[in-house]
Amino acid sequence: MNPRKLISFDWAIKKILRSKANFGILEGFLSELLFTDITILEVLESESNQEMGFDKYNRVDIKVADADQRIILIEVQYSRELDY
């Protein structure tokens, strides 16, 4: 697999926004994207969840709570998916 040359969203979350000091940036982005206040509870490890290299292309999962205190798992990917 060729390394990507551009900075991507999954890289930014994995490398920069994983720090609790930067959670406000990510919470603000997700809140606007999902139209509800989001609080990050935990950044989950997910790269080791794949069984084969092509099996799963997500790089990070985020456990969040919305304004109604519902727990939501957000999976960040860099590959295209038509539907789930």
C-alpha atoms as a PDB file:
ATOM      1  CA  MET A   1       0.000   0.000   0.000  1.00  0.00           C
ATOM      2  CA  ASN A   2       1.367   3.427  -0.960  1.00  0.00           C
ATOM      3  CA  PRO A   3       1.585   5.989   1.821  1.00  0.00           C
ATOM      4  CA  ARG A   4      -0.768   8.913   1.379  1.00  0.00           C
ATOM      5  CA  LYS A   5       0.961  12.240   0.752  1.00  0.00           C
ATOM      6  CA  LEU A   6      -1.829  14.530   1.934  1.00  0.00           C
ATOM      7  CA  ILE A   7      -2.945  15.178   5.484  1.00  0.00           C
ATOM      8  CA  SER A   8      -6.339  13.562   5.897  1.00  0.00           C
ATOM      9  CA  PHE A   9      -9.068  13.803   8.522  1.00  0.00           C
ATOM     10  CA  ASP A  10      -8.387  10.331   9.929  1.00  0.00           C
ATOM     11  CA  TRP A  11      -4.690  11.218  10.314  1.00  0.00           C
ATOM     12  CA  ALA A  12      -5.547  14.477  12.077  1.00  0.00           C
ATOM     13  CA  ILE A  13      -7.829  12.691  14.534  1.00  0.00           C
ATOM     14  CA  LYS A  14      -5.338   9.911  15.163  1.00  0.00           C
ATOM     15  CA  LYS A  15      -2.266  12.102  15.565  1.00  0.00           C
ATOM     16  CA  ILE A  16      -3.408  15.585  16.638  1.00  0.00           C
ATOM     17  CA  LEU A  17      -6.963  15.507  17.975  1.00  0.00           C
ATOM     18  CA  ARG A  18      -6.437  12.378  20.088  1.00  0.00           C
ATOM     19  CA  SER A  19      -4.937  14.618  22.777  1.00  0.00           C
ATOM     20  CA  LYS A  20      -7.522  15.613  25.403  1.00  0.00           C
ATOM     21  CA  ALA A  21      -6.215  19.166  25.122  1.00  0.00           C
ATOM     22  CA  ASN A  22      -7.612  19.263  21.560  1.00  0.00           C
ATOM     23  CA  PHE A  23     -10.959  17.521  22.213  1.00  0.00           C
ATOM     24  CA  GLY A  24     -12.765  20.881  22.052  1.00  0.00           C
ATOM     25  CA  ILE A  25     -11.883  21.208  18.363  1.00  0.00           C
ATOM     26  CA  LEU A  26     -13.144  17.723  17.545  1.00  0.00           C
ATOM     27  CA  GLU A  27     -16.265  18.110  19.722  1.00  0.00           C
ATOM     28  CA  GLY A  28     -17.111  21.361  17.941  1.00  0.00           C
ATOM     29  CA  PHE A  29     -16.676  19.766  14.520  1.00  0.00           C
ATOM     30  CA  LEU A  30     -18.766  16.712  15.391  1.00  0.00           C
ATOM     31  CA  SER A  31     -21.452  18.850  17.050  1.00  0.00           C
ATOM     32  CA  GLU A  32     -21.870  20.900  13.874  1.00  0.00           C
ATOM     33  CA  LEU A  33     -21.778  17.809  11.680  1.00  0.00           C
ATOM     34  CA  LEU A  34     -24.381  15.915  13.739  1.00  0.00           C
ATOM     35  CA  PHE A  35     -26.541  18.922  14.758  1.00  0.00           C
ATOM     36  CA  THR A  36     -26.311  18.093  18.481  1.00  0.00           C
ATOM     37  CA  ASP A  37     -23.882  18.847  21.278  1.00  0.00           C
ATOM     38  CA  ILE A  38     -21.215  16.139  21.369  1.00  0.00           C
ATOM     39  CA  THR A  39     -18.919  15.259  24.255  1.00  0.00           C
ATOM     40  CA  ILE A  40     -16.015  12.906  23.604  1.00  0.00           C
ATOM     41  CA  LEU A  41     -15.860  10.130  26.160  1.00  0.00           C
ATOM     42  CA  GLU A  42     -13.022   8.070  24.739  1.00  0.00           C
ATOM     43  CA  VAL A  43     -10.897   7.537  21.650  1.00  0.00           C
ATOM     44  CA  LEU A  44     -10.925   3.793  20.984  1.00  0.00           C
ATOM     45  CA  GLU A  45      -8.165   1.775  19.369  1.00  0.00           C
ATOM     46  CA  SER A  46      -9.477   0.201  16.184  1.00  0.00           C
ATOM     47  CA  GLU A  47      -6.648  -0.541  13.759  1.00  0.00           C
ATOM     48  CA  SER A  48      -6.081  -3.921  15.351  1.00  0.00           C
ATOM     49  CA  ASN A  49      -9.728  -4.913  14.783  1.00  0.00           C
ATOM     50  CA  GLN A  50      -9.167  -5.817  11.156  1.00  0.00           C
ATOM     51  CA  GLU A  51      -8.716  -9.427  10.171  1.00  0.00           C
ATOM     52  CA  MET A  52      -7.113  -8.680   6.796  1.00  0.00           C
ATOM     53  CA  GLY A  53      -5.542  -5.547   5.397  1.00  0.00           C
ATOM     54  CA  PHE A  54      -8.449  -4.837   3.053  1.00  0.00           C
ATOM     55  CA  ASP A  55     -11.093  -5.906   5.578  1.00  0.00           C
ATOM     56  CA  LYS A  56     -11.531  -2.640   7.459  1.00  0.00           C
ATOM     57  CA  TYR A  57     -10.207   0.762   6.507  1.00  0.00           C
ATOM     58  CA  ASN A  58     -11.122   2.786   9.563  1.00  0.00           C
ATOM     59  CA  ARG A  59      -8.320   4.279  11.534  1.00  0.00           C
ATOM     60  CA  VAL A  60     -10.030   5.483  14.687  1.00  0.00           C
ATOM     61  CA  ASP A  61     -13.287   5.049  16.542  1.00  0.00           C
ATOM     62  CA  ILE A  62     -14.563   7.679  18.934  1.00  0.00           C
ATOM     63  CA  LYS A  63     -17.015   7.029  21.773  1.00  0.00           C
ATOM     64  CA  VAL A  64     -19.152  10.132  22.350  1.00  0.00           C
ATOM     65  CA  ALA A  65     -22.290  11.219  24.193  1.00  0.00           C
ATOM     66  CA  ASP A  66     -24.857  13.470  22.543  1.00  0.00           C
ATOM     67  CA  ALA A  67     -27.023  16.169  24.149  1.00  0.00           C
ATOM     68  CA  ASP A  68     -29.507  13.490  25.301  1.00  0.00           C
ATOM     69  CA  GLN A  69     -26.672  11.458  26.905  1.00  0.00           C
ATOM     70  CA  ARG A  70     -26.967   8.707  24.289  1.00  0.00           C
ATOM     71  CA  ILE A  71     -23.694   6.890  23.655  1.00  0.00           C
ATOM     72  CA  ILE A  72     -22.614   6.939  19.997  1.00  0.00           C
ATOM     73  CA  LEU A  73     -19.625   5.230  18.363  1.00  0.00           C
ATOM     74  CA  ILE A  74     -18.219   7.236  15.467  1.00  0.00           C
ATOM     75  CA  GLU A  75     -15.982   5.446  12.996  1.00  0.00           C
ATOM     76  CA  VAL A  76     -13.642   7.601  10.938  1.00  0.00           C
ATOM     77  CA  GLN A  77     -12.619   6.174   7.566  1.00  0.00           C
ATOM     78  CA  TYR A  78     -10.654   7.294   4.581  1.00  0.00           C
ATOM     79  CA  SER A  79     -12.027   4.824   2.066  1.00  0.00           C
ATOM     80  CA  ARG A  80     -15.236   5.337   0.106  1.00  0.00           C
ATOM     81  CA  GLU A  81     -18.354   3.446   1.151  1.00  0.00           C
ATOM     82  CA  LEU A  82     -21.619   3.659  -0.773  1.00  0.00           C
ATOM     83  CA  ASP A  83     -23.716   2.486   2.167  1.00  0.00           C
ATOM     84  CA  TYR A  84     -23.649   0.560   5.455  1.00  0.00           C
END
